[in-house]
N, C-alpha and C. Protein backbone atom coordinates (compact mmCIF):
# COMPACT_ATOMS: atom_id res chain seq x y z
N MET A 1 -37.98 47.97 -7.95
CA MET A 1 -37.02 47.03 -7.13
C MET A 1 -36.72 46.13 -8.03
N ASN A 2 -35.83 45.94 -7.64
CA ASN A 2 -34.29 44.46 -8.48
C ASN A 2 -34.66 43.27 -7.47
N ARG A 3 -35.29 42.54 -8.46
CA ARG A 3 -35.31 41.00 -7.87
C ARG A 3 -34.39 40.31 -7.96
N PRO A 4 -34.14 39.37 -7.40
CA PRO A 4 -33.31 38.34 -7.73
C PRO A 4 -32.89 37.60 -8.80
N SER A 5 -32.48 37.10 -9.88
CA SER A 5 -32.65 36.17 -10.90
C SER A 5 -33.05 34.72 -10.11
N PRO A 6 -33.78 34.06 -11.24
CA PRO A 6 -33.84 32.56 -10.96
C PRO A 6 -32.47 31.96 -10.68
N ARG A 7 -31.63 32.28 -11.70
CA ARG A 7 -30.34 31.42 -11.72
C ARG A 7 -29.63 31.85 -10.56
N LEU A 8 -29.60 33.02 -9.68
CA LEU A 8 -28.82 33.02 -8.61
C LEU A 8 -29.39 32.51 -7.38
N LEU A 9 -31.02 32.31 -7.11
CA LEU A 9 -31.54 31.58 -6.17
C LEU A 9 -30.83 30.31 -6.68
N PHE A 10 -30.98 29.57 -7.61
CA PHE A 10 -30.82 28.44 -7.66
C PHE A 10 -29.47 27.84 -7.27
N ALA A 11 -28.41 29.07 -7.63
CA ALA A 11 -27.15 28.92 -7.42
C ALA A 11 -26.86 28.54 -5.82
N GLY A 12 -27.77 29.86 -5.09
CA GLY A 12 -27.39 29.95 -3.78
C GLY A 12 -27.98 28.52 -3.18
N ALA A 13 -29.05 27.85 -3.77
CA ALA A 13 -29.99 27.14 -2.84
C ALA A 13 -28.74 25.43 -3.37
N LEU A 14 -28.16 25.42 -4.72
CA LEU A 14 -27.40 24.48 -4.46
C LEU A 14 -25.91 24.79 -3.49
N MET A 15 -25.46 25.51 -3.40
CA MET A 15 -24.58 25.73 -2.15
C MET A 15 -24.95 25.78 -0.66
N LEU A 16 -26.10 26.14 -0.46
CA LEU A 16 -26.39 26.09 0.96
C LEU A 16 -27.06 23.97 1.05
N LEU A 17 -27.17 23.43 -0.20
CA LEU A 17 -27.54 21.77 0.24
C LEU A 17 -25.88 21.39 0.27
N ALA A 18 -25.25 21.84 -0.57
CA ALA A 18 -23.54 21.17 -0.81
C ALA A 18 -23.20 21.39 0.75
N GLN A 19 -23.22 22.55 1.52
CA GLN A 19 -22.68 22.37 3.20
C GLN A 19 -23.60 21.73 3.30
N LEU A 20 -24.62 20.88 3.53
CA LEU A 20 -25.48 20.29 4.60
C LEU A 20 -25.87 18.93 3.86
N ALA A 21 -25.08 18.47 2.74
CA ALA A 21 -25.16 17.00 2.12
C ALA A 21 -24.43 16.19 3.23
N PRO A 22 -23.14 16.44 3.44
CA PRO A 22 -22.42 15.29 4.27
C PRO A 22 -23.16 15.15 5.60
N GLN A 23 -23.84 16.33 6.20
CA GLN A 23 -24.78 15.36 7.16
C GLN A 23 -25.70 14.51 7.10
N PHE A 24 -26.38 14.44 5.94
CA PHE A 24 -27.50 13.29 5.39
C PHE A 24 -26.93 12.67 4.48
N ALA A 25 -25.79 12.45 4.40
CA ALA A 25 -25.39 11.13 3.52
C ALA A 25 -25.14 9.58 4.25
N HIS A 26 -25.43 8.63 3.74
CA HIS A 26 -25.58 7.30 4.89
C HIS A 26 -24.00 7.08 5.30
N ALA A 27 -23.97 6.63 6.60
CA ALA A 27 -22.66 5.70 6.60
C ALA A 27 -22.09 4.66 6.20
N GLN A 28 -20.94 4.84 6.42
CA GLN A 28 -20.40 3.43 5.94
C GLN A 28 -19.52 2.97 6.90
N TYR A 29 -19.84 1.33 7.27
CA TYR A 29 -18.95 0.64 7.97
C TYR A 29 -18.64 -0.62 7.57
N SER A 30 -17.28 -0.61 8.15
CA SER A 30 -16.35 -1.79 7.80
C SER A 30 -15.77 -2.50 8.82
N TRP A 31 -15.81 -3.67 9.28
CA TRP A 31 -15.16 -4.45 10.44
C TRP A 31 -15.36 -5.81 9.81
N ILE A 32 -14.30 -6.68 10.76
CA ILE A 32 -14.02 -7.97 10.76
C ILE A 32 -15.10 -8.56 12.05
N ASP A 33 -15.74 -9.14 11.53
CA ASP A 33 -16.75 -9.87 12.56
C ASP A 33 -16.15 -11.45 13.55
N GLU A 34 -16.49 -11.52 14.24
CA GLU A 34 -15.98 -13.13 14.69
C GLU A 34 -15.56 -14.29 14.38
N LYS A 35 -16.30 -14.25 13.19
CA LYS A 35 -15.71 -15.51 12.31
C LYS A 35 -14.68 -15.19 10.92
N GLY A 36 -14.39 -13.96 11.16
CA GLY A 36 -13.30 -13.68 10.57
C GLY A 36 -13.37 -12.95 9.10
N THR A 37 -15.02 -12.95 8.91
CA THR A 37 -15.23 -12.07 7.67
C THR A 37 -15.62 -10.87 7.39
N ARG A 38 -15.46 -9.96 6.75
CA ARG A 38 -15.22 -8.66 6.50
C ARG A 38 -16.99 -8.31 6.42
N VAL A 39 -17.60 -7.73 6.67
CA VAL A 39 -19.05 -6.92 7.12
C VAL A 39 -18.64 -5.71 6.61
N PHE A 40 -19.76 -5.47 5.42
CA PHE A 40 -20.33 -4.10 4.90
C PHE A 40 -21.48 -3.87 5.56
N SER A 41 -21.42 -2.51 6.13
CA SER A 41 -22.81 -2.00 6.50
C SER A 41 -23.21 -0.96 6.54
N ASP A 42 -24.43 -0.32 6.73
CA ASP A 42 -24.47 1.16 6.93
C ASP A 42 -24.73 1.20 8.50
N ARG A 43 -24.68 0.50 9.26
CA ARG A 43 -24.96 0.61 10.80
C ARG A 43 -23.58 0.24 10.99
N PRO A 44 -23.92 0.41 12.50
CA PRO A 44 -22.21 0.59 13.37
C PRO A 44 -22.18 -0.98 13.85
N PRO A 45 -20.48 -1.46 14.05
CA PRO A 45 -20.55 -2.78 14.29
C PRO A 45 -21.00 -2.98 15.66
N PRO A 46 -21.48 -4.38 15.98
CA PRO A 46 -21.74 -4.35 17.80
C PRO A 46 -21.23 -4.05 18.79
N PRO A 47 -21.77 -3.62 20.08
CA PRO A 47 -21.07 -2.77 20.60
C PRO A 47 -19.46 -3.30 21.11
N GLY A 48 -19.88 -5.06 21.14
CA GLY A 48 -18.61 -5.98 21.71
C GLY A 48 -17.21 -6.01 20.47
N THR A 49 -17.53 -5.39 19.25
CA THR A 49 -16.51 -5.64 18.61
C THR A 49 -15.14 -4.38 18.67
N PRO A 50 -13.87 -5.29 18.98
CA PRO A 50 -12.69 -4.39 19.10
C PRO A 50 -12.65 -3.43 18.26
N PRO A 51 -11.67 -2.20 18.65
CA PRO A 51 -11.54 -1.08 17.89
C PRO A 51 -10.47 -1.79 16.78
N ASP A 52 -9.58 -2.61 17.20
CA ASP A 52 -8.32 -2.93 15.96
C ASP A 52 -9.33 -3.68 15.08
N ARG A 53 -10.63 -4.24 15.00
CA ARG A 53 -11.29 -4.98 13.82
C ARG A 53 -11.95 -4.05 13.27
N ILE A 54 -12.21 -2.69 13.52
CA ILE A 54 -13.19 -1.99 12.86
C ILE A 54 -12.21 -1.08 11.68
N LEU A 55 -12.40 -1.58 10.33
CA LEU A 55 -11.73 -1.08 9.45
C LEU A 55 -12.09 0.10 8.76
N LYS A 56 -13.18 0.41 9.20
CA LYS A 56 -13.67 1.64 8.25
C LYS A 56 -15.41 2.28 9.14
N ALA A 57 -15.09 3.80 9.43
CA ALA A 57 -15.89 4.17 10.11
C ALA A 57 -16.12 5.48 9.60
N PRO A 58 -17.38 5.97 9.66
CA PRO A 58 -17.54 7.18 8.94
C PRO A 58 -16.99 8.03 9.63
N ARG A 59 -16.51 9.62 8.80
CA ARG A 59 -15.49 9.88 9.61
C ARG A 59 -16.88 11.34 10.16
N ARG A 60 -16.64 11.87 11.45
CA ARG A 60 -17.36 12.62 12.41
C ARG A 60 -16.34 13.66 12.94
N VAL A 61 -17.04 15.00 13.05
CA VAL A 61 -16.55 15.93 13.59
C VAL A 61 -16.26 15.13 14.81
N ASP A 62 -16.99 15.03 15.94
CA ASP A 62 -16.99 14.78 17.28
C ASP A 62 -16.40 13.02 17.60
N ALA A 63 -15.66 12.34 16.00
CA ALA A 63 -14.92 10.93 16.11
C ALA A 63 -14.07 11.48 16.91
N MET A 64 -13.64 10.35 18.03
CA MET A 64 -11.89 10.05 18.71
C MET A 64 -11.08 9.55 17.76
N PRO A 65 -9.93 10.06 17.55
CA PRO A 65 -9.19 9.42 16.71
C PRO A 65 -8.71 8.06 17.06
N ASP A 66 -8.94 7.33 18.35
CA ASP A 66 -8.28 6.10 18.82
C ASP A 66 -9.80 4.89 18.17
N LYS A 67 -10.65 5.49 17.81
CA LYS A 67 -11.83 4.89 16.95
C LYS A 67 -11.54 4.19 15.86
N VAL A 68 -10.43 5.47 15.60
CA VAL A 68 -10.19 4.85 13.59
C VAL A 68 -8.76 3.72 13.67
N ALA A 69 -8.86 2.83 13.18
CA ALA A 69 -7.95 1.80 13.05
C ALA A 69 -6.90 1.91 12.78
N PRO A 70 -5.60 1.51 12.83
CA PRO A 70 -4.28 1.98 12.21
C PRO A 70 -4.34 1.04 11.22
N ALA A 71 -2.95 1.71 10.40
CA ALA A 71 -2.96 0.61 9.18
C ALA A 71 -2.63 -0.19 9.30
N ALA A 72 -1.57 -0.68 9.83
CA ALA A 72 -1.29 -2.04 10.45
C ALA A 72 -2.37 -2.90 10.90
N ALA A 73 -3.23 -2.49 11.82
CA ALA A 73 -4.28 -3.28 11.68
C ALA A 73 -5.48 -3.59 10.64
N VAL A 74 -5.75 -2.65 9.75
CA VAL A 74 -6.11 -2.91 8.52
C VAL A 74 -5.47 -3.73 7.44
N ASP A 75 -4.07 -4.08 7.50
CA ASP A 75 -3.36 -4.94 6.91
C ASP A 75 -3.42 -6.53 7.50
N ALA A 76 -3.00 -6.23 8.57
CA ALA A 76 -3.41 -7.87 9.53
C ALA A 76 -4.51 -8.01 9.22
N ALA A 77 -5.42 -7.45 9.16
CA ALA A 77 -6.74 -8.10 8.93
C ALA A 77 -7.38 -8.24 7.69
N SER A 78 -6.75 -7.75 6.82
CA SER A 78 -7.30 -7.85 5.54
C SER A 78 -6.09 -9.12 5.16
N SER A 79 -5.07 -9.60 5.71
CA SER A 79 -4.45 -10.67 5.34
C SER A 79 -4.99 -11.64 5.89
N ALA A 80 -5.69 -11.48 7.26
CA ALA A 80 -6.69 -12.36 7.96
C ALA A 80 -7.49 -13.23 7.62
N ALA A 81 -8.31 -12.10 6.61
CA ALA A 81 -9.56 -12.23 5.61
C ALA A 81 -9.12 -13.11 4.68
N GLY A 82 -7.97 -13.54 4.18
CA GLY A 82 -7.39 -14.23 3.24
C GLY A 82 -7.36 -13.72 1.51
N LYS A 83 -7.34 -11.72 1.68
CA LYS A 83 -7.70 -11.40 0.59
C LYS A 83 -5.78 -11.05 0.30
N PRO A 84 -5.46 -10.69 -0.41
CA PRO A 84 -4.34 -10.49 -1.53
C PRO A 84 -3.98 -9.34 -0.65
N ARG A 85 -2.69 -9.01 -0.67
CA ARG A 85 -2.36 -7.16 -0.27
C ARG A 85 -2.20 -6.83 -1.14
N GLN A 86 -2.51 -5.48 -1.62
CA GLN A 86 -2.37 -4.49 -2.38
C GLN A 86 -0.86 -3.63 -2.30
N PRO A 87 0.10 -3.55 -3.22
CA PRO A 87 1.36 -3.37 -2.96
C PRO A 87 1.20 -1.94 -3.32
N SER A 88 2.20 -1.62 -2.11
CA SER A 88 2.53 -0.34 -1.66
C SER A 88 3.02 0.85 -2.93
N LEU A 89 2.91 2.01 -2.66
CA LEU A 89 3.06 2.79 -3.49
C LEU A 89 4.52 2.87 -3.98
N ALA A 90 5.20 2.62 -2.97
CA ALA A 90 6.52 2.56 -2.88
C ALA A 90 7.19 1.11 -3.96
N GLU A 91 6.56 -0.16 -3.79
CA GLU A 91 6.46 -0.92 -4.66
C GLU A 91 6.08 -1.19 -6.15
N ARG A 92 4.84 -0.13 -6.00
CA ARG A 92 4.38 0.06 -7.64
C ARG A 92 5.82 1.02 -8.10
N GLU A 93 6.24 1.78 -7.60
CA GLU A 93 6.91 2.99 -8.24
C GLU A 93 8.12 1.85 -8.78
N ALA A 94 9.04 0.85 -7.62
CA ALA A 94 10.02 0.24 -7.94
C ALA A 94 9.57 -0.75 -9.43
N ASP A 95 8.17 -1.20 -9.43
CA ASP A 95 7.99 -1.99 -10.54
C ASP A 95 7.83 -1.26 -11.91
N TYR A 96 7.39 0.03 -11.54
CA TYR A 96 7.69 0.51 -12.67
C TYR A 96 8.72 1.13 -13.17
N ARG A 97 9.73 1.69 -12.17
CA ARG A 97 11.01 1.93 -12.83
C ARG A 97 12.12 0.65 -13.30
N LYS A 98 11.62 -0.42 -13.13
CA LYS A 98 12.16 -2.02 -13.27
C LYS A 98 11.73 -1.94 -14.97
N ARG A 99 10.57 -1.49 -15.15
CA ARG A 99 9.54 -2.05 -16.50
C ARG A 99 9.87 -1.20 -17.33
N GLN A 100 10.31 0.37 -16.47
CA GLN A 100 11.10 1.39 -17.61
C GLN A 100 12.29 1.25 -18.39
N ALA A 101 13.17 0.60 -17.04
CA ALA A 101 14.85 0.19 -17.42
C ALA A 101 15.10 -0.79 -18.24
N GLU A 102 13.91 -1.96 -18.02
CA GLU A 102 13.53 -3.22 -19.18
C GLU A 102 13.37 -2.68 -20.52
N ARG A 103 12.27 -1.77 -20.54
CA ARG A 103 11.82 -1.14 -21.94
C ARG A 103 12.77 -0.19 -22.61
N GLN A 104 13.73 0.56 -21.97
CA GLN A 104 14.82 1.32 -22.09
C GLN A 104 15.78 0.59 -23.00
N ASP A 105 16.14 -0.52 -22.18
CA ASP A 105 17.48 -1.72 -22.75
C ASP A 105 17.00 -2.79 -23.84
N GLY A 106 15.82 -2.83 -24.12
CA GLY A 106 14.97 -3.18 -25.21
C GLY A 106 15.11 -2.15 -26.21
N GLU A 107 15.15 -1.14 -26.06
CA GLU A 107 15.01 -0.13 -27.28
C GLU A 107 16.80 0.28 -27.71
N LYS A 108 17.70 0.03 -26.68
CA LYS A 108 19.03 0.45 -26.71
C LYS A 108 19.10 -0.89 -27.74
N LYS A 109 19.06 -2.39 -27.45
CA LYS A 109 19.29 -3.44 -28.10
C LYS A 109 18.82 -3.11 -29.67
N ALA A 110 17.40 -2.57 -29.61
CA ALA A 110 16.94 -2.60 -30.99
C ALA A 110 17.63 -2.04 -31.91
N GLN A 111 18.28 -0.68 -31.19
CA GLN A 111 19.18 0.56 -31.81
C GLN A 111 20.25 0.16 -32.36
N GLU A 112 21.08 -0.71 -31.34
CA GLU A 112 21.99 -1.81 -31.72
C GLU A 112 22.26 -2.40 -33.03
N ASP A 113 21.19 -3.55 -32.61
CA ASP A 113 21.22 -4.24 -33.90
C ASP A 113 20.76 -3.40 -35.38
N ALA A 114 19.99 -2.95 -35.18
CA ALA A 114 19.83 -1.93 -36.08
C ALA A 114 21.13 -1.23 -37.26
N GLY A 115 22.15 -0.61 -35.94
CA GLY A 115 23.19 -0.40 -36.62
C GLY A 115 24.27 -1.33 -37.08
N ARG A 116 23.89 -2.37 -36.73
CA ARG A 116 24.79 -3.46 -36.61
C ARG A 116 24.33 -4.31 -38.39
N LYS A 117 22.83 -4.18 -38.45
CA LYS A 117 22.36 -4.33 -39.80
C LYS A 117 22.77 -3.41 -41.00
N ALA A 118 22.93 -2.21 -40.30
CA ALA A 118 23.10 -1.26 -41.57
C ALA A 118 24.62 -1.40 -41.81
N ALA A 119 25.29 -1.59 -41.26
CA ALA A 119 26.73 -1.29 -41.05
C ALA A 119 27.25 -3.06 -42.25
N GLN A 120 26.55 -4.17 -41.88
CA GLN A 120 26.25 -5.20 -42.82
C GLN A 120 25.98 -5.09 -44.36
N GLN A 121 24.75 -4.14 -44.42
CA GLN A 121 24.48 -4.42 -45.55
C GLN A 121 25.42 -3.29 -46.74
N GLU A 122 26.48 -2.16 -45.45
CA GLU A 122 26.83 -1.48 -46.01
C GLU A 122 28.33 -2.25 -46.88
N LEU A 123 28.60 -3.05 -46.12
CA LEU A 123 29.67 -4.10 -46.39
C LEU A 123 29.38 -4.78 -47.78
N CYS A 124 28.36 -5.61 -47.63
CA CYS A 124 27.79 -6.42 -48.26
C CYS A 124 27.82 -5.58 -49.72
N ALA A 125 27.49 -4.13 -49.82
CA ALA A 125 27.20 -3.48 -51.05
C ALA A 125 28.78 -3.11 -51.32
N GLY A 126 29.51 -3.09 -50.38
CA GLY A 126 30.62 -2.84 -51.32
C GLY A 126 31.45 -3.94 -51.76
N ALA A 127 31.28 -5.25 -51.01
CA ALA A 127 31.92 -6.30 -51.58
C ALA A 127 31.02 -6.79 -53.08
N ARG A 128 29.58 -6.45 -53.32
CA ARG A 128 28.70 -6.65 -54.37
C ARG A 128 29.45 -5.81 -55.38
N GLN A 129 30.02 -4.44 -55.19
CA GLN A 129 30.54 -3.74 -56.50
C GLN A 129 32.31 -3.98 -56.93
N GLU A 130 32.80 -4.52 -55.79
CA GLU A 130 34.13 -4.90 -56.02
C GLU A 130 34.05 -6.54 -56.83
N GLU A 131 33.13 -7.38 -56.53
CA GLU A 131 33.11 -8.36 -57.19
C GLU A 131 32.95 -7.88 -58.66
N ARG A 132 31.55 -7.34 -58.93
CA ARG A 132 31.46 -6.42 -60.34
C ARG A 132 32.72 -6.03 -61.26
N GLN A 133 33.52 -5.06 -60.35
CA GLN A 133 34.70 -5.06 -60.96
C GLN A 133 35.52 -5.70 -61.39
N LEU A 134 35.75 -6.63 -60.37
CA LEU A 134 36.83 -7.38 -60.63
C LEU A 134 36.80 -8.96 -61.63
N ALA A 135 35.28 -8.80 -61.67
CA ALA A 135 34.66 -9.98 -62.77
C ALA A 135 34.63 -9.37 -63.76
N SER A 136 34.65 -8.14 -64.30
CA SER A 136 34.35 -7.54 -65.51
C SER A 136 35.65 -8.04 -66.48
N GLY A 137 36.66 -8.09 -65.97
CA GLY A 137 37.67 -8.38 -67.02
C GLY A 137 38.48 -6.80 -67.58
N MET A 138 38.24 -6.04 -66.59
CA MET A 138 38.61 -4.85 -67.24
C MET A 138 39.87 -4.44 -66.44
N ARG A 139 41.05 -3.59 -66.81
CA ARG A 139 42.14 -3.68 -66.58
C ARG A 139 42.19 -2.47 -65.21
N ILE A 140 42.33 -3.06 -63.95
CA ILE A 140 42.21 -2.25 -62.44
C ILE A 140 43.43 -1.38 -61.90
N SER A 141 43.70 -0.02 -62.22
CA SER A 141 44.89 0.49 -61.85
C SER A 141 44.78 1.00 -59.79
N GLU A 142 45.94 1.03 -59.53
CA GLU A 142 45.75 1.82 -57.79
C GLU A 142 46.86 2.66 -57.77
N MET A 143 46.86 3.59 -57.00
CA MET A 143 48.05 4.37 -56.60
C MET A 143 49.26 3.52 -55.84
N GLN A 144 50.28 3.43 -56.31
CA GLN A 144 51.40 2.44 -55.62
C GLN A 144 51.89 3.40 -54.40
N ALA A 145 52.79 2.99 -53.74
CA ALA A 145 53.67 3.39 -52.47
C ALA A 145 54.19 4.41 -53.15
N ASN A 146 54.90 4.63 -53.83
CA ASN A 146 55.29 6.09 -54.52
C ASN A 146 54.72 7.19 -55.27
N GLY A 147 53.71 6.61 -55.25
CA GLY A 147 52.68 7.80 -55.94
C GLY A 147 52.05 7.72 -57.56
N GLU A 148 52.86 6.39 -58.18
CA GLU A 148 52.50 6.57 -59.21
C GLU A 148 51.47 5.42 -58.88
N ARG A 149 50.81 5.41 -60.50
CA ARG A 149 49.93 4.63 -60.86
C ARG A 149 50.24 3.41 -61.64
N GLY A 150 49.79 2.26 -60.78
CA GLY A 150 49.96 0.82 -61.28
C GLY A 150 48.51 -0.21 -61.46
N TYR A 151 49.16 -1.07 -62.31
CA TYR A 151 47.91 -2.05 -62.62
C TYR A 151 47.96 -3.16 -61.75
N ILE A 152 46.85 -4.04 -61.58
CA ILE A 152 46.79 -4.94 -60.57
C ILE A 152 47.22 -6.38 -61.19
N SER A 153 48.06 -7.33 -60.94
CA SER A 153 48.11 -8.61 -61.48
C SER A 153 46.98 -9.50 -61.65
N ASP A 154 46.92 -10.37 -62.41
CA ASP A 154 46.07 -11.49 -62.46
C ASP A 154 45.72 -12.61 -61.47
N GLU A 155 47.02 -12.75 -60.57
CA GLU A 155 46.96 -13.05 -59.54
C GLU A 155 46.42 -12.36 -58.14
N ASP A 156 46.60 -11.02 -58.48
CA ASP A 156 46.11 -10.32 -57.25
C ASP A 156 44.72 -9.72 -57.28
N ARG A 157 44.47 -10.17 -58.46
CA ARG A 157 42.78 -10.01 -59.14
C ARG A 157 41.85 -11.18 -58.65
N ALA A 158 42.80 -12.11 -58.91
CA ALA A 158 41.83 -13.55 -58.45
C ALA A 158 41.72 -13.84 -57.01
N ARG A 159 42.49 -13.18 -56.19
CA ARG A 159 42.71 -13.04 -54.60
C ARG A 159 41.79 -12.20 -54.69
N ARG A 160 41.66 -11.38 -54.68
CA ARG A 160 40.55 -10.48 -54.53
C ARG A 160 39.17 -10.91 -54.50
N LEU A 161 38.96 -11.18 -56.03
CA LEU A 161 37.39 -11.60 -56.54
C LEU A 161 37.52 -13.01 -55.65
N ALA A 162 38.38 -13.61 -55.10
CA ALA A 162 37.88 -14.75 -54.45
C ALA A 162 37.42 -14.31 -52.61
N ARG A 163 38.45 -13.40 -52.31
CA ARG A 163 37.87 -12.52 -51.02
C ARG A 163 36.50 -11.67 -51.02
N ALA A 164 36.24 -11.21 -52.32
CA ALA A 164 35.09 -10.56 -52.57
C ALA A 164 33.84 -11.62 -52.47
N ARG A 165 33.62 -12.57 -53.16
CA ARG A 165 33.20 -13.66 -52.86
C ARG A 165 32.85 -14.33 -51.75
N GLN A 166 33.75 -14.20 -50.74
CA GLN A 166 33.73 -14.95 -49.65
C GLN A 166 32.77 -14.21 -48.87
N ALA A 167 33.00 -12.78 -48.98
CA ALA A 167 32.47 -11.87 -48.28
C ALA A 167 30.66 -11.88 -48.30
N LEU A 168 30.88 -11.77 -49.92
CA LEU A 168 29.40 -12.17 -50.49
C LEU A 168 28.42 -13.47 -49.92
N ALA A 169 29.24 -14.48 -49.91
CA ALA A 169 28.39 -15.52 -49.06
C ALA A 169 27.92 -15.43 -47.50
N ASP A 170 28.90 -14.60 -46.75
CA ASP A 170 28.65 -14.28 -45.20
C ASP A 170 27.16 -13.11 -45.50
N CYS A 171 27.15 -12.58 -46.85
CA CYS A 171 25.90 -11.56 -46.71
C CYS A 171 24.84 -12.37 -47.05
N ARG A 172 24.99 -14.02 -47.33
CA ARG A 172 23.25 -14.21 -48.24
C ARG A 172 22.74 -14.66 -46.98
């Protein structure tokens, strides 16, 4: 004859216990007493407590829906108790979207700054090379408008060298 394994019996016992556990759990109640303080207890509030001051009661199958405090009464009771109100889901979502937009703006500005810095470095490198070339004293040739090769004059060299040095002064 086949005997059920101990593991199978244990699993069945756990499943049965899980079904019965809510009946054996301790009830948790929360209400605002006549002094305005929030009370937590495993016993129900006194019989004279109005239903709108009961913040939390255990859920029972036979419980009536009118015994549960509406959300507006809970907010009013918590603000009356002097506790700060927790932000709603919509407010938290709006804050999150605002932080995301600020972070994206910061990243965009950082990328723009990096692009400007790279462009400035490129201009400075070109100015350094032009200054070295003009200060070397070697003859510099250019293509003229008519397509022929021509050499720059000493005055043009001095003007270009001054412009390159001015650009380098901005680089430092």
